Amino acid sequence: MYIEKTLLHLYYQYNVSLYKMILRKLSILNYKNIEQTEVAFSPKINCFFGNNGMGKTNLLDALYYLSFTKSHINTPDSQIIKDGQGICVIQGVYDYSGREENIFCAIRSGQRKQFKRNKKEYDKLSEHIGLLPLVMISPADVELIRGGSDERRRFLDMIISQQDKQYLNALIQYNKALHQRNILLKNQSRDNSLFEVLEMQMDMYGRLVYDTRKQLVEDFVPVFNDYYHQICNFSENVDLRYVSQIDKGELKDLLAENRERDRVLSYTSSGIHKDELEMLLNASLIRRVGSQGQNKTYLIALKLAQFAFLKEKGNTIPILLLDDLFDKLDANRVEQIIQLVNSDQFGQIFITDTNRKYLDEILSLTGNDYSLFKVDNGNVQPLTI
């Protein structure tokens, strides 16, 4: 039950030009319930176990924050700082194919957060995105299925932005023009020349975003299907369908046509910010027909396909974070996932679970290249297996 050789060649094989990125050390001060910790990691597999609510997920979330300048579950910065404290600090020391990268983040109450790379502060946080490619699989991913279309657009944007700066810039510029147009609508402006300028910008940047998202989905589906079938070994078919209002026309024409209607609504009702990514199981929306096990398998396969895409398109092997991965999965699916994450296609991996049995099973297959930690009330303690 292995992925076909053609797909292995296209997506999963190691490329000699890929950088090996390893997080060697993570220091945390006042991140959610983690008061202070400093942890050194294995270059391959790192496992964290402990009861729910002890800080395992917060530890991975801090690592995610260093890559994306925000929390995986979009926790506001004001709620990230540990209660009663005025500052939160996260610092990671990465080995980047022999070159050290030191990433520093400070979040202060009521102030702009600060990000530094090798002691030099970024002018714009967007400059940092893509330096530390990362994929996280967590229980919060269920919102991709159950949540609104904005969750699914964010998923596409996160994948593409890590390896395409032009796309990220287009998305930022589109959102700026959208924001300005919405202000005009709320103010009931009748200055059509201003609307036309903003609508031309939205059309230009929106077209680039639309084309790139559409191509990603087309490239993504075969890999996604292969991972799904490898995990569950069933004949179910999974699919993704990208749906946009501009599938058949120009955005600027649609915006002009709907301008009067949008004035009544006081917001922009057309554009790529309304696009949808339909998640399908056997040609039906999975949110309507999927069981808990099917939903979880679907999401895991989706994220593993994301990993494969980032690896194939970029120049760095992403870090993989697996938070509470094995809950609600049968033994066969657990076994398939364990075999997958132990293969050579992955680089550094971080895994959390409340059940040490699964972690010991994973580590027993890795030889000596692992680290095991117990997390208790925000404290992280290294252990031996």
Protein backbone atom coordinates (compact mmCIF):
# COMPACT_ATOMS: atom_id res chain seq x y z
CA MET A 1 0.00 0.00 0.00
CA TYR A 2 2.54 2.57 -1.07
CA ILE A 3 2.04 5.68 -3.13
CA GLU A 4 2.58 5.14 -6.83
CA LYS A 5 6.14 5.63 -8.06
CA THR A 6 5.16 8.45 -10.39
CA LEU A 7 3.75 10.47 -7.51
CA LEU A 8 6.71 9.56 -5.34
CA HIS A 9 8.96 10.97 -8.02
CA LEU A 10 6.93 14.15 -8.42
CA TYR A 11 6.19 14.97 -4.82
CA TYR A 12 7.98 12.98 -2.16
CA GLN A 13 11.53 12.15 -3.13
CA TYR A 14 14.35 14.07 -1.50
CA ASN A 15 15.90 16.73 -3.66
CA VAL A 16 19.60 17.44 -3.12
CA SER A 17 18.87 21.17 -3.33
CA LEU A 18 16.48 21.07 -0.35
CA TYR A 19 17.73 22.72 2.81
CA LYS A 20 17.48 20.71 6.02
CA MET A 21 15.90 22.91 8.65
CA ILE A 22 16.10 21.74 12.25
CA LEU A 23 14.83 23.54 15.34
CA ARG A 24 17.60 22.88 17.85
CA LYS A 25 16.35 24.91 20.80
CA LEU A 26 13.14 26.66 21.81
CA SER A 27 12.88 29.19 24.66
CA ILE A 28 9.48 30.37 25.92
CA LEU A 29 8.48 32.99 28.47
CA ASN A 30 4.84 33.55 29.45
CA TYR A 31 3.20 31.92 26.41
CA LYS A 32 -0.33 31.03 27.54
CA ASN A 33 0.15 28.61 30.49
CA ILE A 34 3.89 28.10 29.87
CA GLU A 35 5.66 30.37 32.34
CA GLN A 36 9.24 29.64 31.35
CA THR A 37 10.96 26.77 29.59
CA GLU A 38 13.98 26.05 27.40
CA VAL A 39 14.01 22.81 25.42
CA ALA A 40 16.59 21.17 23.14
CA PHE A 41 15.21 18.90 20.42
CA SER A 42 16.08 15.84 18.37
CA PRO A 43 16.63 16.51 14.65
CA LYS A 44 14.04 13.82 13.81
CA ILE A 45 11.16 12.98 16.19
CA ASN A 46 10.14 14.81 19.37
CA CYS A 47 7.22 13.47 21.43
CA PHE A 48 5.32 15.22 24.22
CA PHE A 49 2.83 13.47 26.47
CA GLY A 50 0.67 14.57 29.39
CA ASN A 51 -2.93 15.10 30.37
CA ASN A 52 -5.20 17.52 28.53
CA GLY A 53 -4.78 21.18 29.47
CA MET A 54 -1.17 20.80 30.63
CA GLY A 55 0.42 22.82 27.81
CA LYS A 56 1.34 20.32 25.07
CA THR A 57 -0.67 22.14 22.42
CA ASN A 58 0.57 25.54 23.65
CA LEU A 59 4.15 24.37 23.13
CA LEU A 60 3.44 23.45 19.50
CA ASP A 61 1.46 26.66 19.06
CA ALA A 62 4.48 28.69 20.18
CA LEU A 63 6.55 26.90 17.55
CA TYR A 64 3.85 27.66 14.97
CA TYR A 65 3.89 31.31 16.04
CA LEU A 66 7.59 31.56 15.20
CA SER A 67 6.82 30.48 11.63
CA PHE A 68 3.65 32.47 10.94
CA THR A 69 3.75 35.41 13.42
CA LYS A 70 0.39 34.29 14.80
CA SER A 71 -1.32 31.46 16.68
CA HIS A 72 -2.56 28.35 14.88
CA ILE A 73 -6.05 28.90 16.28
CA ASN A 74 -5.88 32.69 15.75
CA THR A 75 -5.75 33.48 19.47
CA PRO A 76 -5.53 37.29 19.82
CA ASP A 77 -2.09 38.46 20.94
CA SER A 78 -3.68 40.06 24.01
CA GLN A 79 -4.74 36.56 25.16
CA ILE A 80 -1.41 34.88 24.43
CA ILE A 81 0.51 36.57 27.25
CA LYS A 82 0.23 34.54 30.47
CA ASP A 83 -2.25 36.03 32.93
CA GLY A 84 -0.75 38.72 35.10
CA GLN A 85 2.36 39.20 32.93
CA GLY A 86 3.20 42.12 30.66
CA ILE A 87 5.37 40.39 28.06
CA CYS A 88 5.66 37.10 26.20
CA VAL A 89 8.90 36.00 24.50
CA ILE A 90 9.51 33.11 22.10
CA GLN A 91 12.95 32.38 20.69
CA GLY A 92 14.02 29.58 18.37
CA VAL A 93 17.51 28.57 17.27
CA TYR A 94 17.41 26.75 13.93
CA ASP A 95 20.08 24.82 12.06
CA TYR A 96 19.52 25.73 8.41
CA SER A 97 21.81 23.28 6.55
CA GLY A 98 24.74 24.30 8.75
CA ARG A 99 23.76 27.96 8.99
CA GLU A 100 22.27 29.18 12.26
CA GLU A 101 19.05 31.18 12.19
CA ASN A 102 17.96 32.86 15.41
CA ILE A 103 14.31 33.96 15.46
CA PHE A 104 13.07 36.18 18.29
CA CYS A 105 9.52 37.28 19.03
CA ALA A 106 8.30 39.59 21.80
CA ILE A 107 4.64 40.36 22.47
CA ARG A 108 3.94 43.22 24.87
CA SER A 109 0.57 44.33 26.19
CA GLY A 110 -0.78 47.23 24.14
CA GLN A 111 2.22 47.37 21.79
CA ARG A 112 3.13 46.14 18.31
CA LYS A 113 4.72 42.71 18.43
CA GLN A 114 8.37 42.49 17.53
CA PHE A 115 9.99 39.90 15.26
CA LYS A 116 13.74 39.66 14.72
CA ARG A 117 15.85 37.43 12.49
CA ASN A 118 19.43 37.17 13.70
CA LYS A 119 18.91 40.28 15.88
CA LYS A 120 17.61 42.38 12.97
CA GLU A 121 13.97 43.45 13.22
CA TYR A 122 11.68 42.97 10.24
CA ASP A 123 10.17 46.08 8.65
CA LYS A 124 7.08 44.04 7.75
CA LEU A 125 5.97 40.78 9.34
CA SER A 126 5.08 39.43 5.88
CA GLU A 127 8.82 39.36 5.09
CA HIS A 128 9.18 36.50 7.58
CA ILE A 129 6.53 34.22 6.07
CA GLY A 130 8.10 31.31 4.19
CA LEU A 131 11.47 31.32 5.97
CA LEU A 132 10.41 28.50 8.32
CA PRO A 133 7.91 26.33 6.40
CA LEU A 134 5.71 24.32 8.72
CA VAL A 135 2.58 22.16 8.67
CA MET A 136 0.46 21.57 11.78
CA ILE A 137 -2.21 18.89 12.15
CA SER A 138 -4.45 19.46 15.18
CA PRO A 139 -8.01 18.90 16.45
CA ALA A 140 -8.72 22.55 15.59
CA ASP A 141 -8.47 21.58 11.90
CA VAL A 142 -12.06 20.31 12.08
CA GLU A 143 -13.06 23.94 11.50
CA LEU A 144 -11.84 23.49 7.92
CA ILE A 145 -14.84 21.19 7.47
CA ARG A 146 -17.37 22.67 9.89
CA GLY A 147 -16.42 26.35 9.74
CA GLY A 148 -17.11 29.08 7.22
CA SER A 149 -15.51 29.61 3.83
CA ASP A 150 -12.97 32.02 5.35
CA GLU A 151 -11.33 29.05 7.14
CA ARG A 152 -10.87 27.19 3.88
CA ARG A 153 -9.58 30.26 2.02
CA ARG A 154 -7.10 30.79 4.84
CA PHE A 155 -5.91 27.20 4.36
CA LEU A 156 -5.17 27.85 0.67
CA ASP A 157 -3.54 31.20 1.41
CA MET A 158 -1.29 29.70 4.10
CA ILE A 159 -0.01 27.01 1.73
CA ILE A 160 0.72 29.34 -1.17
CA SER A 161 2.11 32.24 0.87
CA GLN A 162 4.89 30.08 2.32
CA GLN A 163 6.51 29.67 -1.09
CA ASP A 164 5.14 32.50 -3.27
CA LYS A 165 5.93 36.07 -2.19
CA GLN A 166 4.17 37.52 -5.25
CA TYR A 167 0.96 35.81 -4.18
CA LEU A 168 1.29 37.04 -0.60
CA ASN A 169 1.82 40.60 -1.81
CA ALA A 170 -1.18 40.37 -4.16
CA LEU A 171 -3.35 39.09 -1.32
CA ILE A 172 -2.24 41.93 0.97
CA GLN A 173 -2.85 44.57 -1.73
CA TYR A 174 -6.26 43.10 -2.59
CA ASN A 175 -7.33 43.21 1.07
CA LYS A 176 -6.16 46.82 1.39
CA ALA A 177 -8.22 47.86 -1.64
CA LEU A 178 -11.19 45.85 -0.33
CA HIS A 179 -10.94 47.60 3.05
CA GLN A 180 -10.84 51.03 1.40
CA ARG A 181 -13.83 50.19 -0.83
CA ASN A 182 -15.82 49.06 2.20
CA ILE A 183 -15.08 52.38 3.93
CA LEU A 184 -16.43 54.25 0.89
CA LEU A 185 -19.55 52.07 0.95
CA LYS A 186 -20.18 52.64 4.64
CA ASN A 187 -19.74 56.39 4.13
CA GLN A 188 -22.22 56.25 1.22
CA SER A 189 -19.65 57.84 -1.09
CA ARG A 190 -20.78 58.73 -4.62
CA ASP A 191 -17.29 59.35 -5.97
CA ASN A 192 -17.30 56.79 -8.79
CA SER A 193 -13.73 57.64 -9.82
CA LEU A 194 -12.46 56.42 -6.43
CA PHE A 195 -14.53 53.26 -6.73
CA GLU A 196 -13.13 52.62 -10.22
CA VAL A 197 -9.52 52.94 -9.05
CA LEU A 198 -10.06 50.53 -6.16
CA GLU A 199 -12.02 48.10 -8.31
CA MET A 200 -9.25 48.02 -10.91
CA GLN A 201 -6.77 47.19 -8.15
CA MET A 202 -9.04 44.46 -6.78
CA ASP A 203 -9.46 43.05 -10.28
CA MET A 204 -5.70 42.98 -10.97
CA TYR A 205 -4.61 41.49 -7.65
CA GLY A 206 -7.70 39.31 -7.35
CA ARG A 207 -7.05 37.68 -10.71
CA LEU A 208 -3.54 36.62 -9.60
CA VAL A 209 -4.92 35.20 -6.34
CA TYR A 210 -7.73 33.39 -8.18
CA ASP A 211 -5.45 31.84 -10.81
CA THR A 212 -2.93 30.68 -8.21
CA ARG A 213 -5.54 29.16 -5.90
CA LYS A 214 -7.21 27.36 -8.81
CA GLN A 215 -3.90 25.87 -9.98
CA LEU A 216 -3.00 24.78 -6.46
CA VAL A 217 -6.26 22.87 -6.07
CA GLU A 218 -5.74 21.10 -9.41
CA ASP A 219 -2.21 20.04 -8.43
CA PHE A 220 -3.23 19.18 -4.90
CA VAL A 221 -6.07 16.70 -5.44
CA PRO A 222 -4.10 13.66 -6.76
CA VAL A 223 -1.65 13.79 -3.84
CA PHE A 224 -4.49 14.30 -1.37
CA ASN A 225 -6.30 11.24 -2.74
CA ASP A 226 -3.19 9.09 -2.50
CA TYR A 227 -2.62 9.99 1.14
CA TYR A 228 -6.26 9.38 2.02
CA HIS A 229 -6.24 5.92 0.46
CA GLN A 230 -2.94 5.03 2.05
CA ILE A 231 -4.22 5.90 5.51
CA CYS A 232 -7.65 4.24 5.34
CA ASN A 233 -7.27 1.68 2.50
CA PHE A 234 -10.90 2.21 1.45
CA SER A 235 -12.41 2.88 -1.97
CA GLU A 236 -13.83 6.27 -0.96
CA ASN A 237 -12.96 9.17 -3.23
CA VAL A 238 -12.01 12.55 -1.81
CA ASP A 239 -11.96 15.75 -3.80
CA LEU A 240 -11.61 19.54 -3.55
CA ARG A 241 -13.51 22.00 -5.72
CA TYR A 242 -12.61 25.67 -5.90
CA VAL A 243 -15.66 27.86 -6.52
CA SER A 244 -15.41 31.58 -7.33
CA GLN A 245 -17.75 34.33 -8.46
CA ILE A 246 -15.20 35.23 -11.15
CA ASP A 247 -15.11 31.78 -12.74
CA LYS A 248 -16.89 33.23 -15.79
CA GLY A 249 -16.10 36.92 -15.81
CA GLU A 250 -14.02 39.93 -14.83
CA LEU A 251 -14.12 41.05 -11.23
CA LYS A 252 -14.11 44.75 -12.10
CA ASP A 253 -17.32 44.31 -14.11
CA LEU A 254 -18.98 42.44 -11.27
CA LEU A 255 -17.94 45.09 -8.73
CA ALA A 256 -19.27 47.91 -10.90
CA GLU A 257 -22.53 46.07 -11.53
CA ASN A 258 -23.08 45.49 -7.79
CA ARG A 259 -21.96 48.93 -6.57
CA GLU A 260 -25.44 50.23 -5.75
CA ARG A 261 -26.39 47.01 -4.02
CA ASP A 262 -23.15 47.11 -2.02
CA ARG A 263 -23.96 50.66 -0.84
CA VAL A 264 -27.18 49.35 0.67
CA LEU A 265 -25.32 46.44 2.27
CA SER A 266 -22.38 48.69 3.34
CA TYR A 267 -19.87 46.01 2.32
CA THR A 268 -18.41 44.43 -0.83
CA SER A 269 -20.46 41.37 -1.75
CA SER A 270 -18.33 40.18 -4.71
CA GLY A 271 -14.72 39.15 -5.04
CA ILE A 272 -12.12 36.53 -4.20
CA HIS A 273 -12.79 37.15 -0.49
CA LYS A 274 -16.06 35.26 -1.08
CA ASP A 275 -14.50 32.24 -2.81
CA GLU A 276 -15.21 28.74 -1.50
CA LEU A 277 -13.19 25.54 -1.31
CA GLU A 278 -15.68 22.66 -1.32
CA MET A 279 -14.44 19.58 0.53
CA LEU A 280 -15.99 16.46 -0.95
CA LEU A 281 -16.28 12.79 0.00
CA ASN A 282 -17.75 10.57 -2.73
CA ALA A 283 -18.97 13.73 -4.54
CA SER A 284 -20.89 15.02 -1.46
CA LEU A 285 -19.85 17.73 0.99
CA ILE A 286 -18.01 15.90 3.76
CA ARG A 287 -19.50 18.17 6.42
CA ARG A 288 -22.88 16.59 5.57
CA VAL A 289 -21.92 12.93 5.14
CA GLY A 290 -18.61 12.32 6.94
CA SER A 291 -18.24 10.36 10.18
CA GLN A 292 -15.77 11.45 12.89
CA GLY A 293 -13.20 8.95 11.63
CA GLN A 294 -13.69 9.97 8.00
CA ASN A 295 -13.40 13.66 8.89
CA LYS A 296 -10.18 13.10 10.79
CA THR A 297 -8.66 10.93 8.05
CA TYR A 298 -9.70 13.55 5.46
CA LEU A 299 -7.98 16.34 7.40
CA ILE A 300 -4.81 14.35 8.06
CA ALA A 301 -4.52 13.46 4.37
CA LEU A 302 -5.17 17.10 3.48
CA LYS A 303 -2.35 18.30 5.73
CA LEU A 304 0.09 15.62 4.57
CA ALA A 305 -0.63 16.70 0.99
CA GLN A 306 0.10 20.26 2.12
CA PHE A 307 3.47 19.06 3.43
CA ALA A 308 4.24 17.34 0.12
CA PHE A 309 3.30 20.47 -1.84
CA LEU A 310 5.50 22.76 0.27
CA LYS A 311 8.40 20.35 0.02
CA GLU A 312 8.08 19.97 -3.76
CA LYS A 313 7.60 23.69 -4.46
CA GLY A 314 10.05 25.13 -1.94
CA ASN A 315 13.71 24.70 -1.07
CA THR A 316 13.31 23.61 2.56
CA ILE A 317 11.84 20.48 4.13
CA PRO A 318 8.99 21.73 6.35
CA ILE A 319 8.69 20.96 10.05
CA LEU A 320 5.66 18.78 10.85
CA LEU A 321 3.59 19.28 14.01
CA LEU A 322 1.13 16.50 14.96
CA ASP A 323 -1.12 17.51 17.87
CA ASP A 324 -3.26 14.78 19.44
CA LEU A 325 -3.14 12.93 16.13
CA PHE A 326 -4.42 9.48 17.06
CA ASP A 327 -7.66 10.33 18.85
CA LYS A 328 -10.79 8.89 17.14
CA LEU A 329 -8.75 6.70 14.75
CA ASP A 330 -8.89 2.92 14.59
CA ALA A 331 -5.76 0.80 15.05
CA ASN A 332 -5.26 0.23 11.33
CA ARG A 333 -5.24 3.96 10.51
CA VAL A 334 -2.92 4.64 13.44
CA GLU A 335 -0.50 2.03 12.10
CA GLN A 336 -0.56 3.52 8.60
CA ILE A 337 0.14 7.01 9.93
CA ILE A 338 2.99 5.78 12.13
CA GLN A 339 4.59 4.14 9.08
CA LEU A 340 4.17 7.35 7.11
CA VAL A 341 5.73 9.72 9.64
CA ASN A 342 8.68 7.38 10.15
CA SER A 343 9.55 7.40 6.44
CA ASP A 344 12.47 9.35 4.99
CA GLN A 345 10.20 11.82 3.19
CA PHE A 346 9.73 13.80 6.43
CA GLY A 347 12.24 15.92 8.30
CA GLN A 348 11.83 17.06 11.91
CA ILE A 349 8.54 16.05 13.56
CA PHE A 350 6.84 17.12 16.80
CA ILE A 351 4.07 14.88 18.21
CA THR A 352 1.76 15.27 21.22
CA ASP A 353 -0.57 12.70 22.77
CA THR A 354 -2.20 11.87 26.08
CA ASN A 355 -1.46 8.17 25.49
CA ARG A 356 2.22 7.30 25.83
CA LYS A 357 1.57 3.90 24.22
CA TYR A 358 1.39 5.40 20.72
CA LEU A 359 4.43 7.56 21.34
CA ASP A 360 6.49 4.60 22.56
CA GLU A 361 5.43 2.65 19.47
CA ILE A 362 6.60 5.48 17.21
CA LEU A 363 9.89 5.90 19.05
CA SER A 364 10.60 2.16 19.00
CA LEU A 365 10.83 2.42 15.19
CA THR A 366 13.21 5.38 15.13
CA GLY A 367 16.37 4.00 16.73
CA ASN A 368 18.16 6.60 18.83
CA ASP A 369 17.07 9.66 16.85
CA TYR A 370 14.30 10.93 19.12
CA SER A 371 13.47 12.92 22.23
CA LEU A 372 10.63 12.31 24.69
CA PHE A 373 9.15 14.92 27.03
CA LYS A 374 6.49 15.02 29.74
CA VAL A 375 4.41 18.20 29.94
CA ASP A 376 2.78 19.01 33.29
CA ASN A 377 1.12 22.34 34.08
CA GLY A 378 3.28 24.22 31.58
CA ASN A 379 6.54 22.54 32.64
CA VAL A 380 8.45 20.48 30.06
CA GLN A 381 10.63 17.64 31.34
CA PRO A 382 12.86 15.46 29.11
CA LEU A 383 12.51 11.70 29.67
CA THR A 384 13.98 8.43 28.43
CA ILE A 385 11.88 5.73 26.81
